């Protein structure tokens, strides 16, 4: 059996489209400089309101990375 050690980091993605897109934006940007991302957990969801409608989403996630 192999053992795994992970590092967690927190990211906040944003999107005018929706929650899922905000998460994908955060992961895509992180993927430019990080490697071995294995999982994520949504920890917080917020939205910005303009004229009574949702204008923008912000989603904070924890990301687990495998350590070499």
PDB file of N, CA and C in Angstrom:
ATOM      1  N   UNK A   1       0.844  -1.179   0.000  1.00  0.00           N
ATOM      2  CA  UNK A   1       0.000   0.000   0.000  1.00  0.00           C
ATOM      3  C   UNK A   1       0.891   1.244   0.000  1.00  0.00           C
ATOM      4  N   UNK A   2       0.614   2.171  -0.904  1.00  0.00           N
ATOM      5  CA  UNK A   2       1.392   3.406  -0.941  1.00  0.00           C
ATOM      6  C   UNK A   2       0.703   4.468  -0.094  1.00  0.00           C
ATOM      7  N   UNK A   3       1.503   5.364   0.463  1.00  0.00           N
ATOM      8  CA  UNK A   3       0.934   6.449   1.253  1.00  0.00           C
ATOM      9  C   UNK A   3       1.018   7.737   0.440  1.00  0.00           C
ATOM     10  N   UNK A   4       0.117   8.638   0.699  1.00  0.00           N
ATOM     11  CA  UNK A   4       0.068   9.899  -0.028  1.00  0.00           C
ATOM     12  C   UNK A   4       0.101  11.047   0.968  1.00  0.00           C
ATOM     13  N   UNK A   5       0.798  12.105   0.617  1.00  0.00           N
ATOM     14  CA  UNK A   5       0.814  13.326   1.415  1.00  0.00           C
ATOM     15  C   UNK A   5       0.365  14.456   0.505  1.00  0.00           C
ATOM     16  N   UNK A   6      -0.557  15.271   1.003  1.00  0.00           N
ATOM     17  CA  UNK A   6      -1.117  16.350   0.209  1.00  0.00           C
ATOM     18  C   UNK A   6      -0.860  17.705   0.859  1.00  0.00           C
ATOM     19  N   UNK A   7      -0.760  18.713   0.040  1.00  0.00           N
ATOM     20  CA  UNK A   7      -0.733  20.093   0.487  1.00  0.00           C
ATOM     21  C   UNK A   7      -2.044  20.708   0.041  1.00  0.00           C
ATOM     22  N   UNK A   8      -2.654  21.534   0.902  1.00  0.00           N
ATOM     23  CA  UNK A   8      -3.885  22.216   0.543  1.00  0.00           C
ATOM     24  C   UNK A   8      -3.613  23.692   0.327  1.00  0.00           C
ATOM     25  N   UNK A   9      -4.275  24.249  -0.666  1.00  0.00           N
ATOM     26  CA  UNK A   9      -4.222  25.689  -0.833  1.00  0.00           C
ATOM     27  C   UNK A   9      -5.620  26.183  -1.154  1.00  0.00           C
ATOM     28  N   UNK A  10      -5.837  27.463  -0.920  1.00  0.00           N
ATOM     29  CA  UNK A  10      -7.152  28.048  -1.113  1.00  0.00           C
ATOM     30  C   UNK A  10      -7.119  28.990  -2.313  1.00  0.00           C
ATOM     31  N   UNK A  11      -8.117  28.872  -3.163  1.00  0.00           N
ATOM     32  CA  UNK A  11      -8.241  29.701  -4.359  1.00  0.00           C
ATOM     33  C   UNK A  11      -9.649  30.279  -4.424  1.00  0.00           C
ATOM     34  N   UNK A  12      -9.786  31.441  -5.021  1.00  0.00           N
ATOM     35  CA  UNK A  12     -11.110  32.006  -5.278  1.00  0.00           C
ATOM     36  C   UNK A  12     -11.207  32.334  -6.756  1.00  0.00           C
ATOM     37  N   UNK A  13     -12.161  31.683  -7.418  1.00  0.00           N
ATOM     38  CA  UNK A  13     -12.414  31.945  -8.832  1.00  0.00           C
ATOM     39  C   UNK A  13     -13.639  32.820  -8.973  1.00  0.00           C
ATOM     40  N   UNK A  14     -13.728  33.529 -10.076  1.00  0.00           N
ATOM     41  CA  UNK A  14     -14.887  34.389 -10.300  1.00  0.00           C
ATOM     42  C   UNK A  14     -15.401  34.213 -11.723  1.00  0.00           C
ATOM     43  N   UNK A  15     -16.709  34.470 -11.882  1.00  0.00           N
ATOM     44  CA  UNK A  15     -17.333  34.321 -13.191  1.00  0.00           C
ATOM     45  C   UNK A  15     -18.659  35.066 -13.217  1.00  0.00           C
ATOM     46  N   UNK A  16     -18.950  35.651 -14.352  1.00  0.00           N
ATOM     47  CA  UNK A  16     -20.263  36.255 -14.562  1.00  0.00           C
ATOM     48  C   UNK A  16     -21.268  35.199 -15.020  1.00  0.00           C
ATOM     49  N   UNK A  17     -20.761  34.022 -15.405  1.00  0.00           N
ATOM     50  CA  UNK A  17     -21.601  32.962 -15.959  1.00  0.00           C
ATOM     51  C   UNK A  17     -22.260  32.088 -14.898  1.00  0.00           C
ATOM     52  N   UNK A  18     -21.465  31.622 -13.903  1.00  0.00           N
ATOM     53  CA  UNK A  18     -22.049  30.749 -12.897  1.00  0.00           C
ATOM     54  C   UNK A  18     -21.010  30.160 -11.963  1.00  0.00           C
ATOM     55  N   UNK A  19     -21.487  29.378 -11.011  1.00  0.00           N
ATOM     56  CA  UNK A  19     -20.648  28.784  -9.974  1.00  0.00           C
ATOM     57  C   UNK A  19     -19.632  27.813 -10.569  1.00  0.00           C
ATOM     58  N   UNK A  20     -20.092  26.923 -11.420  1.00  0.00           N
ATOM     59  CA  UNK A  20     -19.191  25.924 -11.999  1.00  0.00           C
ATOM     60  C   UNK A  20     -18.081  26.596 -12.815  1.00  0.00           C
ATOM     61  N   UNK A  21     -18.421  27.627 -13.556  1.00  0.00           N
ATOM     62  CA  UNK A  21     -17.419  28.340 -14.340  1.00  0.00           C
ATOM     63  C   UNK A  21     -16.403  29.032 -13.442  1.00  0.00           C
ATOM     64  N   UNK A  22     -16.842  29.552 -12.303  1.00  0.00           N
ATOM     65  CA  UNK A  22     -15.919  30.185 -11.355  1.00  0.00           C
ATOM     66  C   UNK A  22     -14.901  29.167 -10.841  1.00  0.00           C
ATOM     67  N   UNK A  23     -15.357  27.949 -10.537  1.00  0.00           N
ATOM     68  CA  UNK A  23     -14.449  26.887 -10.091  1.00  0.00           C
ATOM     69  C   UNK A  23     -13.485  26.522 -11.218  1.00  0.00           C
ATOM     70  N   UNK A  24     -14.004  26.372 -12.416  1.00  0.00           N
ATOM     71  CA  UNK A  24     -13.149  26.017 -13.552  1.00  0.00           C
ATOM     72  C   UNK A  24     -12.119  27.104 -13.840  1.00  0.00           C
ATOM     73  N   UNK A  25     -12.483  28.367 -13.684  1.00  0.00           N
ATOM     74  CA  UNK A  25     -11.539  29.469 -13.878  1.00  0.00           C
ATOM     75  C   UNK A  25     -10.390  29.386 -12.873  1.00  0.00           C
ATOM     76  N   UNK A  26     -10.727  29.130 -11.603  1.00  0.00           N
ATOM     77  CA  UNK A  26      -9.699  29.020 -10.567  1.00  0.00           C
ATOM     78  C   UNK A  26      -8.754  27.858 -10.849  1.00  0.00           C
ATOM     79  N   UNK A  27      -9.302  26.706 -11.217  1.00  0.00           N
ATOM     80  CA  UNK A  27      -8.470  25.533 -11.486  1.00  0.00           C
ATOM     81  C   UNK A  27      -7.617  25.714 -12.739  1.00  0.00           C
ATOM     82  N   UNK A  28      -8.178  26.324 -13.767  1.00  0.00           N
ATOM     83  CA  UNK A  28      -7.423  26.540 -15.007  1.00  0.00           C
ATOM     84  C   UNK A  28      -6.240  27.472 -14.761  1.00  0.00           C
ATOM     85  N   UNK A  29      -6.445  28.527 -13.997  1.00  0.00           N
ATOM     86  CA  UNK A  29      -5.351  29.459 -13.707  1.00  0.00           C
ATOM     87  C   UNK A  29      -4.288  28.783 -12.854  1.00  0.00           C
ATOM     88  N   UNK A  30      -4.713  28.040 -11.827  1.00  0.00           N
ATOM     89  CA  UNK A  30      -3.763  27.340 -10.960  1.00  0.00           C
ATOM     90  C   UNK A  30      -2.963  26.309 -11.749  1.00  0.00           C
ATOM     91  N   UNK A  31      -3.595  25.675 -12.721  1.00  0.00           N
ATOM     92  CA  UNK A  31      -2.937  24.645 -13.518  1.00  0.00           C
ATOM     93  C   UNK A  31      -1.779  25.198 -14.355  1.00  0.00           C
ATOM     94  N   UNK A  32      -1.737  26.512 -14.565  1.00  0.00           N
ATOM     95  CA  UNK A  32      -0.640  27.128 -15.319  1.00  0.00           C
ATOM     96  C   UNK A  32       0.691  27.035 -14.570  1.00  0.00           C
ATOM     97  N   UNK A  33       0.638  26.983 -13.219  1.00  0.00           N
ATOM     98  CA  UNK A  33       1.874  26.978 -12.436  1.00  0.00           C
ATOM     99  C   UNK A  33       1.986  25.817 -11.453  1.00  0.00           C
ATOM    100  N   UNK A  34       0.906  25.118 -11.186  1.00  0.00           N
ATOM    101  CA  UNK A  34       0.929  24.011 -10.227  1.00  0.00           C
ATOM    102  C   UNK A  34       0.793  22.689 -10.967  1.00  0.00           C
ATOM    103  N   UNK A  35       1.281  21.624 -10.328  1.00  0.00           N
ATOM    104  CA  UNK A  35       1.084  20.303 -10.902  1.00  0.00           C
ATOM    105  C   UNK A  35       0.601  19.350  -9.813  1.00  0.00           C
ATOM    106  N   UNK A  36       0.072  18.233 -10.233  1.00  0.00           N
ATOM    107  CA  UNK A  36      -0.435  17.177  -9.351  1.00  0.00           C
ATOM    108  C   UNK A  36      -1.615  17.610  -8.483  1.00  0.00           C
ATOM    109  N   UNK A  37      -2.487  18.492  -9.021  1.00  0.00           N
ATOM    110  CA  UNK A  37      -3.734  18.796  -8.311  1.00  0.00           C
ATOM    111  C   UNK A  37      -4.598  17.542  -8.365  1.00  0.00           C
ATOM    112  N   UNK A  38      -5.143  17.146  -7.227  1.00  0.00           N
ATOM    113  CA  UNK A  38      -5.883  15.878  -7.149  1.00  0.00           C
ATOM    114  C   UNK A  38      -7.353  16.037  -6.818  1.00  0.00           C
ATOM    115  N   UNK A  39      -7.717  17.030  -6.016  1.00  0.00           N
ATOM    116  CA  UNK A  39      -9.109  17.181  -5.603  1.00  0.00           C
ATOM    117  C   UNK A  39      -9.387  18.632  -5.236  1.00  0.00           C
ATOM    118  N   UNK A  40     -10.663  18.969  -5.161  1.00  0.00           N
ATOM    119  CA  UNK A  40     -11.048  20.289  -4.668  1.00  0.00           C
ATOM    120  C   UNK A  40     -12.306  20.158  -3.823  1.00  0.00           C
ATOM    121  N   UNK A  41     -12.500  21.142  -2.973  1.00  0.00           N
ATOM    122  CA  UNK A  41     -13.662  21.200  -2.090  1.00  0.00           C
ATOM    123  C   UNK A  41     -14.153  22.644  -2.090  1.00  0.00           C
ATOM    124  N   UNK A  42     -15.427  22.841  -2.399  1.00  0.00           N
ATOM    125  CA  UNK A  42     -16.008  24.186  -2.366  1.00  0.00           C
ATOM    126  C   UNK A  42     -16.247  24.553  -0.905  1.00  0.00           C
ATOM    127  N   UNK A  43     -15.667  25.685  -0.482  1.00  0.00           N
ATOM    128  CA  UNK A  43     -15.803  26.103   0.914  1.00  0.00           C
ATOM    129  C   UNK A  43     -16.675  27.335   1.088  1.00  0.00           C
ATOM    130  N   UNK A  44     -16.833  28.112   0.017  1.00  0.00           N
ATOM    131  CA  UNK A  44     -17.607  29.340   0.141  1.00  0.00           C
ATOM    132  C   UNK A  44     -18.118  29.762  -1.238  1.00  0.00           C
ATOM    133  N   UNK A  45     -19.342  30.238  -1.273  1.00  0.00           N
ATOM    134  CA  UNK A  45     -19.925  30.750  -2.513  1.00  0.00           C
ATOM    135  C   UNK A  45     -20.549  32.111  -2.220  1.00  0.00           C
ATOM    136  N   UNK A  46     -20.183  33.090  -3.043  1.00  0.00           N
ATOM    137  CA  UNK A  46     -20.717  34.437  -2.888  1.00  0.00           C
ATOM    138  C   UNK A  46     -21.177  34.940  -4.247  1.00  0.00           C
ATOM    139  N   UNK A  47     -22.009  35.962  -4.211  1.00  0.00           N
ATOM    140  CA  UNK A  47     -22.435  36.596  -5.449  1.00  0.00           C
ATOM    141  C   UNK A  47     -22.549  38.097  -5.283  1.00  0.00           C
ATOM    142  N   UNK A  48     -22.411  38.786  -6.394  1.00  0.00           N
ATOM    143  CA  UNK A  48     -22.554  40.236  -6.443  1.00  0.00           C
ATOM    144  C   UNK A  48     -23.885  40.541  -7.128  1.00  0.00           C
ATOM    145  N   UNK A  49     -24.641  41.454  -6.552  1.00  0.00           N
ATOM    146  CA  UNK A  49     -25.968  41.790  -7.078  1.00  0.00           C
ATOM    147  C   UNK A  49     -25.937  43.190  -7.676  1.00  0.00           C
ATOM    148  N   UNK A  50     -26.478  43.308  -8.870  1.00  0.00           N
ATOM    149  CA  UNK A  50     -26.671  44.610  -9.507  1.00  0.00           C
ATOM    150  C   UNK A  50     -28.100  44.677 -10.028  1.00  0.00           C
ATOM    151  N   UNK A  51     -28.812  45.719  -9.662  1.00  0.00           N
ATOM    152  CA  UNK A  51     -30.191  45.943 -10.117  1.00  0.00           C
ATOM    153  C   UNK A  51     -31.085  44.733  -9.841  1.00  0.00           C
ATOM    154  N   UNK A  52     -30.890  44.115  -8.668  1.00  0.00           N
ATOM    155  CA  UNK A  52     -31.735  43.001  -8.263  1.00  0.00           C
ATOM    156  C   UNK A  52     -31.442  41.678  -8.938  1.00  0.00           C
ATOM    157  N   UNK A  53     -30.337  41.601  -9.676  1.00  0.00           N
ATOM    158  CA  UNK A  53     -29.989  40.358 -10.376  1.00  0.00           C
ATOM    159  C   UNK A  53     -28.551  39.962 -10.067  1.00  0.00           C
ATOM    160  N   UNK A  54     -28.259  38.683 -10.216  1.00  0.00           N
ATOM    161  CA  UNK A  54     -26.891  38.201 -10.006  1.00  0.00           C
ATOM    162  C   UNK A  54     -26.023  38.728 -11.134  1.00  0.00           C
ATOM    163  N   UNK A  55     -24.955  39.429 -10.757  1.00  0.00           N
ATOM    164  CA  UNK A  55     -24.042  39.983 -11.760  1.00  0.00           C
ATOM    165  C   UNK A  55     -22.732  39.215 -11.819  1.00  0.00           C
ATOM    166  N   UNK A  56     -22.360  38.575 -10.704  1.00  0.00           N
ATOM    167  CA  UNK A  56     -21.041  37.970 -10.640  1.00  0.00           C
ATOM    168  C   UNK A  56     -21.008  36.936  -9.517  1.00  0.00           C
ATOM    169  N   UNK A  57     -20.351  35.818  -9.758  1.00  0.00           N
ATOM    170  CA  UNK A  57     -20.144  34.769  -8.757  1.00  0.00           C
ATOM    171  C   UNK A  57     -18.695  34.749  -8.309  1.00  0.00           C
ATOM    172  N   UNK A  58     -18.468  34.467  -7.024  1.00  0.00           N
ATOM    173  CA  UNK A  58     -17.129  34.191  -6.488  1.00  0.00           C
ATOM    174  C   UNK A  58     -17.230  32.891  -5.699  1.00  0.00           C
ATOM    175  N   UNK A  59     -16.356  31.943  -6.018  1.00  0.00           N
ATOM    176  CA  UNK A  59     -16.376  30.643  -5.348  1.00  0.00           C
ATOM    177  C   UNK A  59     -14.983  30.358  -4.806  1.00  0.00           C
ATOM    178  N   UNK A  60     -14.899  30.107  -3.501  1.00  0.00           N
ATOM    179  CA  UNK A  60     -13.632  29.765  -2.860  1.00  0.00           C
ATOM    180  C   UNK A  60     -13.558  28.252  -2.727  1.00  0.00           C
ATOM    181  N   UNK A  61     -12.414  27.710  -3.127  1.00  0.00           N
ATOM    182  CA  UNK A  61     -12.203  26.262  -3.060  1.00  0.00           C
ATOM    183  C   UNK A  61     -10.884  25.964  -2.362  1.00  0.00           C
ATOM    184  N   UNK A  62     -10.821  24.805  -1.743  1.00  0.00           N
ATOM    185  CA  UNK A  62      -9.554  24.250  -1.264  1.00  0.00           C
ATOM    186  C   UNK A  62      -9.133  23.215  -2.292  1.00  0.00           C
ATOM    187  N   UNK A  63      -7.862  23.246  -2.660  1.00  0.00           N
ATOM    188  CA  UNK A  63      -7.331  22.316  -3.646  1.00  0.00           C
ATOM    189  C   UNK A  63      -6.258  21.469  -2.981  1.00  0.00           C
ATOM    190  N   UNK A  64      -6.302  20.171  -3.195  1.00  0.00           N
ATOM    191  CA  UNK A  64      -5.292  19.261  -2.678  1.00  0.00           C
ATOM    192  C   UNK A  64      -4.294  18.904  -3.754  1.00  0.00           C
ATOM    193  N   UNK A  65      -3.007  19.058  -3.441  1.00  0.00           N
ATOM    194  CA  UNK A  65      -1.935  18.720  -4.373  1.00  0.00           C
ATOM    195  C   UNK A  65      -1.105  17.594  -3.780  1.00  0.00           C
ATOM    196  N   UNK A  66      -0.735  16.629  -4.609  1.00  0.00           N
ATOM    197  CA  UNK A  66       0.168  15.571  -4.164  1.00  0.00           C
ATOM    198  C   UNK A  66       1.568  16.134  -4.060  1.00  0.00           C
ATOM    199  N   UNK A  67       2.263  15.827  -2.976  1.00  0.00           N
ATOM    200  CA  UNK A  67       3.655  16.225  -2.817  1.00  0.00           C
ATOM    201  C   UNK A  67       4.563  15.156  -3.414  1.00  0.00           C
ATOM    202  N   UNK A  68       5.648  15.603  -4.057  1.00  0.00           N
ATOM    203  CA  UNK A  68       6.602  14.668  -4.652  1.00  0.00           C
ATOM    204  C   UNK A  68       7.326  13.874  -3.582  1.00  0.00           C
TER     205      UNK A  68
END
